[in-house]
């Protein structure tokens, strides 16, 4: 019998042992799957949220509203100053007259605006910055606010950067949760293997008496932990796919209400493989720790 055949034979026996009894095996796998799906599902949602933030804040703009007393000469000076600023990519001037007509059309108050004695809107500059991070934009906004003739400096996408900060915080929370749940999964496998070593104590003693090595005795237990972890990872992947499908329709409805084409992106192939390998490793690690501890305590009589 070749080495590959022996390994496949052991794997087949271990697979049957996982589902003996069937209900207990299914519960263990389901618990592992749910525990793995929690941080992984949050990771997928964060990846989607990060993409949404990037989409919303891809063209950061700062609006400069000039004071009502600013003269055309001052406007030209401010435009020249802005065009020469190294942190500014593009400058667009919107006059008071240009801003008034679209305002009436967008609000449906053309008649009211036509009856005004004077234009209440100020001249404004819309600035596209070179930098895309929130700190640099806030520094530029505060700097432009000091220009003579500028009444108000407003960062249009400030809320998007606040959302970005929340996403970064949530990412750390996911890492903490994943670490805690990983420890819990190792503990589950550790206790499962401990019970198996206790129930098979006599068999292990006999195997040691006839010369079986620790590596030979350890092998089926390691296979058990690794296979159980892998099945838990597959279950977690299925839970995430099902969860995303359930969220797909409500999100599409919400996107239509806000005239957006945003949609949830599924777990990528590389992330899915990483999840399966990670779950397999956790199961193997829990089994190795357990069998290494308890196998040394079993001595042949």
Protein backbone atom coordinates (compact mmCIF):
# COMPACT_ATOMS: atom_id res chain seq x y z
CA UNK A 1 0.00 0.00 0.00
CA UNK A 2 1.46 3.36 -1.06
CA UNK A 3 1.78 6.35 1.26
CA UNK A 4 -0.98 8.22 -0.62
CA UNK A 5 -3.33 5.27 -0.31
CA UNK A 6 -2.67 5.03 3.42
CA UNK A 7 -3.36 8.74 3.90
CA UNK A 8 -6.59 8.51 1.90
CA UNK A 9 -7.65 5.47 3.88
CA UNK A 10 -7.05 7.29 7.17
CA UNK A 11 -8.91 10.35 5.87
CA UNK A 12 -11.90 8.20 4.92
CA UNK A 13 -12.03 6.59 8.36
CA UNK A 14 -11.71 9.99 10.06
CA UNK A 15 -14.50 11.44 7.90
CA UNK A 16 -16.87 8.71 9.10
CA UNK A 17 -15.72 9.27 12.68
CA UNK A 18 -16.61 12.98 12.50
CA UNK A 19 -20.27 12.07 11.91
CA UNK A 20 -20.38 9.40 14.63
CA UNK A 21 -22.85 10.15 16.08
CA UNK A 22 -24.22 12.20 13.13
CA UNK A 23 -26.03 14.86 15.16
CA UNK A 24 -23.04 15.70 17.33
CA UNK A 25 -20.77 15.96 14.28
CA UNK A 26 -23.19 18.24 12.45
CA UNK A 27 -23.58 20.47 15.49
CA UNK A 28 -19.80 20.84 15.88
CA UNK A 29 -19.39 21.75 12.21
CA UNK A 30 -22.33 24.17 12.35
CA UNK A 31 -20.90 25.89 15.44
CA UNK A 32 -17.53 26.26 13.73
CA UNK A 33 -19.20 27.56 10.57
CA UNK A 34 -21.25 30.16 12.43
CA UNK A 35 -18.25 31.31 14.45
CA UNK A 36 -16.14 31.69 11.30
CA UNK A 37 -18.94 33.38 9.34
CA UNK A 38 -19.31 36.23 11.87
CA UNK A 39 -15.92 37.93 11.37
CA UNK A 40 -15.74 36.88 7.71
CA UNK A 41 -19.19 38.31 7.00
CA UNK A 42 -18.23 41.55 8.71
CA UNK A 43 -15.04 41.60 6.63
CA UNK A 44 -17.06 41.28 3.41
CA UNK A 45 -19.40 44.09 4.46
CA UNK A 46 -16.42 46.28 5.36
CA UNK A 47 -14.83 45.62 1.98
CA UNK A 48 -18.05 46.73 0.33
CA UNK A 49 -18.32 49.77 2.58
CA UNK A 50 -14.73 50.70 1.78
CA UNK A 51 -15.53 50.53 -1.93
CA UNK A 52 -18.55 52.76 -1.39
CA UNK A 53 -16.46 55.32 0.51
CA UNK A 54 -13.86 55.31 -2.26
CA UNK A 55 -16.60 55.84 -4.82
CA UNK A 56 -18.15 58.72 -2.89
CA UNK A 57 -14.90 60.46 -2.07
CA UNK A 58 -13.00 59.77 -5.31
CA UNK A 59 -13.22 63.48 -6.31
CA UNK A 60 -12.81 65.46 -3.08
CA UNK A 61 -14.00 69.04 -3.49
CA UNK A 62 -13.90 72.17 -1.39
CA UNK A 63 -16.44 74.94 -1.91
CA UNK A 64 -15.37 78.53 -1.24
CA UNK A 65 -18.22 81.01 -0.82
CA UNK A 66 -17.15 84.61 -1.21
CA UNK A 67 -18.53 87.52 0.79
CA UNK A 68 -21.26 89.60 -0.83
CA UNK A 69 -18.98 92.66 -0.87
CA UNK A 70 -16.27 90.98 -2.96
CA UNK A 71 -15.52 92.97 -6.12
CA UNK A 72 -14.70 91.46 -9.54
CA UNK A 73 -11.11 92.57 -9.07
CA UNK A 74 -10.92 90.63 -5.78
CA UNK A 75 -12.46 87.60 -7.51
CA UNK A 76 -9.68 87.65 -10.12
CA UNK A 77 -7.03 87.89 -7.41
CA UNK A 78 -8.54 84.94 -5.53
CA UNK A 79 -8.71 82.91 -8.76
CA UNK A 80 -5.03 83.60 -9.47
CA UNK A 81 -4.08 82.66 -5.92
CA UNK A 82 -6.01 79.41 -6.15
CA UNK A 83 -4.56 78.46 -9.54
CA UNK A 84 -1.05 78.91 -8.16
CA UNK A 85 -1.66 76.79 -5.06
CA UNK A 86 0.32 73.49 -5.23
CA UNK A 87 -2.37 71.52 -3.40
CA UNK A 88 -5.15 72.41 -5.84
CA UNK A 89 -5.78 70.41 -8.99
CA UNK A 90 -8.71 72.27 -10.54
CA UNK A 91 -10.60 75.52 -9.89
CA UNK A 92 -14.12 76.22 -11.17
CA UNK A 93 -15.76 79.62 -10.63
CA UNK A 94 -19.55 79.78 -10.23
CA UNK A 95 -20.95 83.29 -10.35
CA UNK A 96 -24.00 84.41 -8.44
CA UNK A 97 -26.04 84.54 -11.63
CA UNK A 98 -25.00 81.05 -12.74
CA UNK A 99 -25.98 79.58 -9.38
CA UNK A 100 -29.40 81.24 -9.13
CA UNK A 101 -31.10 79.68 -12.19
CA UNK A 102 -30.23 76.03 -11.36
CA UNK A 103 -31.39 76.63 -7.78
CA UNK A 104 -34.82 77.66 -8.99
CA UNK A 105 -35.06 74.69 -11.34
CA UNK A 106 -33.98 72.15 -8.74
CA UNK A 107 -36.34 73.45 -6.04
CA UNK A 108 -39.29 74.35 -8.28
CA UNK A 109 -39.33 77.91 -6.94
CA UNK A 110 -38.64 79.75 -10.19
CA UNK A 111 -41.51 82.19 -9.61
CA UNK A 112 -40.37 83.00 -6.08
CA UNK A 113 -36.75 83.54 -7.19
CA UNK A 114 -37.91 85.69 -10.14
CA UNK A 115 -39.69 87.96 -7.67
CA UNK A 116 -36.60 88.62 -5.55
CA UNK A 117 -35.31 92.17 -5.61
CA UNK A 118 -31.67 91.04 -5.49
CA UNK A 119 -29.66 87.86 -5.86
CA UNK A 120 -29.06 86.40 -2.36
CA UNK A 121 -26.40 83.92 -3.51
CA UNK A 122 -22.66 84.67 -3.30
CA UNK A 123 -19.99 83.97 -5.87
CA UNK A 124 -18.24 80.67 -5.26
CA UNK A 125 -15.24 78.59 -6.26
CA UNK A 126 -15.42 74.78 -6.44
CA UNK A 127 -11.94 73.35 -5.88
CA UNK A 128 -10.69 69.86 -6.66
CA UNK A 129 -7.73 69.02 -4.44
CA UNK A 130 -4.70 66.90 -5.26
CA UNK A 131 -4.75 65.06 -1.92
CA UNK A 132 -7.46 62.53 -1.18
CA UNK A 133 -7.01 61.86 2.53
CA UNK A 134 -9.22 63.56 5.07
CA UNK A 135 -6.45 65.22 7.10
CA UNK A 136 -4.88 66.94 4.07
CA UNK A 137 -8.25 68.12 2.82
CA UNK A 138 -9.17 69.57 6.20
CA UNK A 139 -5.82 71.38 6.36
CA UNK A 140 -6.37 72.82 2.88
CA UNK A 141 -9.92 73.87 3.75
CA UNK A 142 -8.73 75.73 6.84
CA UNK A 143 -5.96 77.38 4.85
CA UNK A 144 -8.31 78.59 2.11
CA UNK A 145 -10.68 79.93 4.71
CA UNK A 146 -8.06 82.54 5.60
CA UNK A 147 -8.05 84.08 2.10
CA UNK A 148 -9.30 87.65 2.10
CA UNK A 149 -12.80 87.78 0.65
CA UNK A 150 -13.74 84.16 1.51
CA UNK A 151 -16.82 84.02 3.73
CA UNK A 152 -17.13 80.23 4.09
CA UNK A 153 -14.95 77.23 3.23
CA UNK A 154 -16.78 73.91 3.12
CA UNK A 155 -15.46 70.40 2.56
CA UNK A 156 -18.22 68.74 0.54
CA UNK A 157 -17.20 65.15 1.23
CA UNK A 158 -16.39 65.51 4.93
CA UNK A 159 -19.12 63.02 5.87
CA UNK A 160 -17.55 60.42 3.58
CA UNK A 161 -14.26 60.68 5.46
CA UNK A 162 -16.07 60.30 8.75
CA UNK A 163 -17.52 57.10 7.33
CA UNK A 164 -14.01 56.06 6.32
CA UNK A 165 -12.87 56.54 9.92
CA UNK A 166 -15.75 54.37 11.11
CA UNK A 167 -14.77 51.68 8.60
CA UNK A 168 -11.17 51.72 9.85
CA UNK A 169 -12.40 51.38 13.43
CA UNK A 170 -14.69 48.52 12.45
CA UNK A 171 -11.78 46.77 10.73
CA UNK A 172 -9.88 46.67 14.02
CA UNK A 173 -12.99 45.39 15.78
CA UNK A 174 -13.25 42.59 13.20
CA UNK A 175 -9.63 41.58 13.82
CA UNK A 176 -10.25 41.43 17.57
CA UNK A 177 -13.44 39.39 17.07
CA UNK A 178 -11.69 37.05 14.62
CA UNK A 179 -8.86 36.49 17.11
CA UNK A 180 -11.26 35.66 19.94
CA UNK A 181 -13.36 33.32 17.81
CA UNK A 182 -10.24 31.62 16.46
CA UNK A 183 -9.17 30.89 20.01
CA UNK A 184 -12.65 29.53 20.66
CA UNK A 185 -12.46 27.22 17.64
CA UNK A 186 -9.08 25.90 18.75
CA UNK A 187 -10.62 25.20 22.15
CA UNK A 188 -13.54 23.32 20.57
CA UNK A 189 -11.18 21.09 18.58
CA UNK A 190 -8.91 20.68 21.62
CA UNK A 191 -11.77 19.36 23.76
CA UNK A 192 -13.10 17.14 20.97
CA UNK A 193 -9.72 15.48 20.48
CA UNK A 194 -9.27 15.20 24.26
CA UNK A 195 -12.49 13.20 24.51
CA UNK A 196 -11.40 10.97 21.64
CA UNK A 197 -8.02 10.25 23.19
CA UNK A 198 -9.75 9.34 26.45
CA UNK A 199 -12.26 7.01 24.75
CA UNK A 200 -9.49 5.37 22.71
CA UNK A 201 -7.01 5.19 25.57
CA UNK A 202 -6.84 1.39 25.54
CA UNK A 203 -6.31 1.27 21.77
CA UNK A 204 -3.49 3.82 22.03
CA UNK A 205 -1.82 1.79 24.78
CA UNK A 206 -1.97 -1.39 22.70
CA UNK A 207 -0.61 0.46 19.66
CA UNK A 208 2.32 1.72 21.73
CA UNK A 209 2.99 -1.79 23.06
CA UNK A 210 3.36 -3.19 19.53
CA UNK A 211 5.75 -0.39 18.57
CA UNK A 212 3.56 2.26 16.97
CA UNK A 213 5.24 5.68 16.92
CA UNK A 214 3.65 8.83 18.27
CA UNK A 215 3.51 10.22 14.74
CA UNK A 216 1.49 7.20 13.58
CA UNK A 217 -0.91 7.46 16.52
CA UNK A 218 -1.19 11.24 16.16
CA UNK A 219 -2.02 11.18 12.44
CA UNK A 220 -5.77 10.31 12.55
CA UNK A 221 -6.39 12.87 15.29
CA UNK A 222 -4.70 15.59 13.24
CA UNK A 223 -6.74 14.56 10.21
CA UNK A 224 -9.86 14.72 12.33
CA UNK A 225 -9.16 18.28 13.49
CA UNK A 226 -8.12 19.51 10.05
CA UNK A 227 -11.10 17.92 8.29
CA UNK A 228 -13.54 19.21 10.90
CA UNK A 229 -12.10 22.71 10.53
CA UNK A 230 -12.30 22.49 6.73
CA UNK A 231 -15.96 21.43 6.86
CA UNK A 232 -16.60 24.33 9.24
CA UNK A 233 -14.95 26.70 6.74
CA UNK A 234 -17.15 25.37 3.92
CA UNK A 235 -20.20 25.88 6.12
CA UNK A 236 -19.10 29.46 6.88
CA UNK A 237 -18.70 30.17 3.15
CA UNK A 238 -22.21 28.87 2.46
CA UNK A 239 -23.64 30.99 5.29
CA UNK A 240 -21.98 34.13 3.88
CA UNK A 241 -23.24 33.41 0.35
CA UNK A 242 -26.77 32.88 1.68
CA UNK A 243 -26.58 36.04 3.81
CA UNK A 244 -25.46 38.16 0.87
CA UNK A 245 -28.28 36.78 -1.25
CA UNK A 246 -30.79 37.72 1.43
CA UNK A 247 -29.39 41.28 1.55
CA UNK A 248 -29.23 41.64 -2.22
CA UNK A 249 -32.87 42.59 -2.89
CA UNK A 250 -33.31 45.08 0.02
CA UNK A 251 -30.03 46.77 -0.93
CA UNK A 252 -31.10 47.05 -4.58
CA UNK A 253 -34.32 48.74 -3.47
CA UNK A 254 -32.39 51.13 -1.24
CA UNK A 255 -29.93 51.95 -4.04
CA UNK A 256 -32.80 52.82 -6.40
CA UNK A 257 -34.25 55.22 -3.84
CA UNK A 258 -30.92 57.07 -3.69
CA UNK A 259 -30.31 56.82 -7.46
CA UNK A 260 -27.22 54.69 -6.93
CA UNK A 261 -25.94 51.56 -8.64
CA UNK A 262 -24.15 50.19 -5.58
CA UNK A 263 -24.35 46.42 -5.09
CA UNK A 264 -22.78 43.99 -2.64
CA UNK A 265 -19.69 42.22 -3.92
CA UNK A 266 -19.40 38.55 -2.91
CA UNK A 267 -16.48 36.91 -1.16
CA UNK A 268 -13.65 36.70 -3.69
CA UNK A 269 -12.08 33.41 -4.70
CA UNK A 270 -8.80 34.23 -2.94
CA UNK A 271 -10.64 35.20 0.25
CA UNK A 272 -12.71 32.00 0.08
CA UNK A 273 -9.59 29.88 -0.26
CA UNK A 274 -7.94 31.81 2.57
CA UNK A 275 -10.97 31.13 4.78
CA UNK A 276 -10.88 27.40 4.02
CA UNK A 277 -7.13 27.14 4.63
CA UNK A 278 -7.40 29.18 7.84
CA UNK A 279 -10.24 27.03 9.18
CA UNK A 280 -8.30 23.87 8.27
CA UNK A 281 -5.24 25.23 10.08
CA UNK A 282 -7.22 26.13 13.20
CA UNK A 283 -8.66 22.62 13.35
CA UNK A 284 -5.24 21.07 12.83
CA UNK A 285 -3.66 23.33 15.48
CA UNK A 286 -6.33 22.53 18.07
CA UNK A 287 -5.91 18.82 17.40
CA UNK A 288 -2.12 19.01 17.56
CA UNK A 289 -2.15 20.85 20.88
CA UNK A 290 -4.63 18.40 22.36
CA UNK A 291 -3.00 15.19 21.17
CA UNK A 292 0.49 16.42 22.07
CA UNK A 293 -0.66 17.07 25.62
CA UNK A 294 -2.72 13.94 26.21
CA UNK A 295 -0.71 11.43 24.20
CA UNK A 296 2.29 11.99 26.46
CA UNK A 297 0.13 11.06 29.45
CA UNK A 298 -0.82 7.67 28.01
CA UNK A 299 1.87 5.08 28.79
CA UNK A 300 1.84 1.42 27.69
CA UNK A 301 1.32 -0.98 30.55
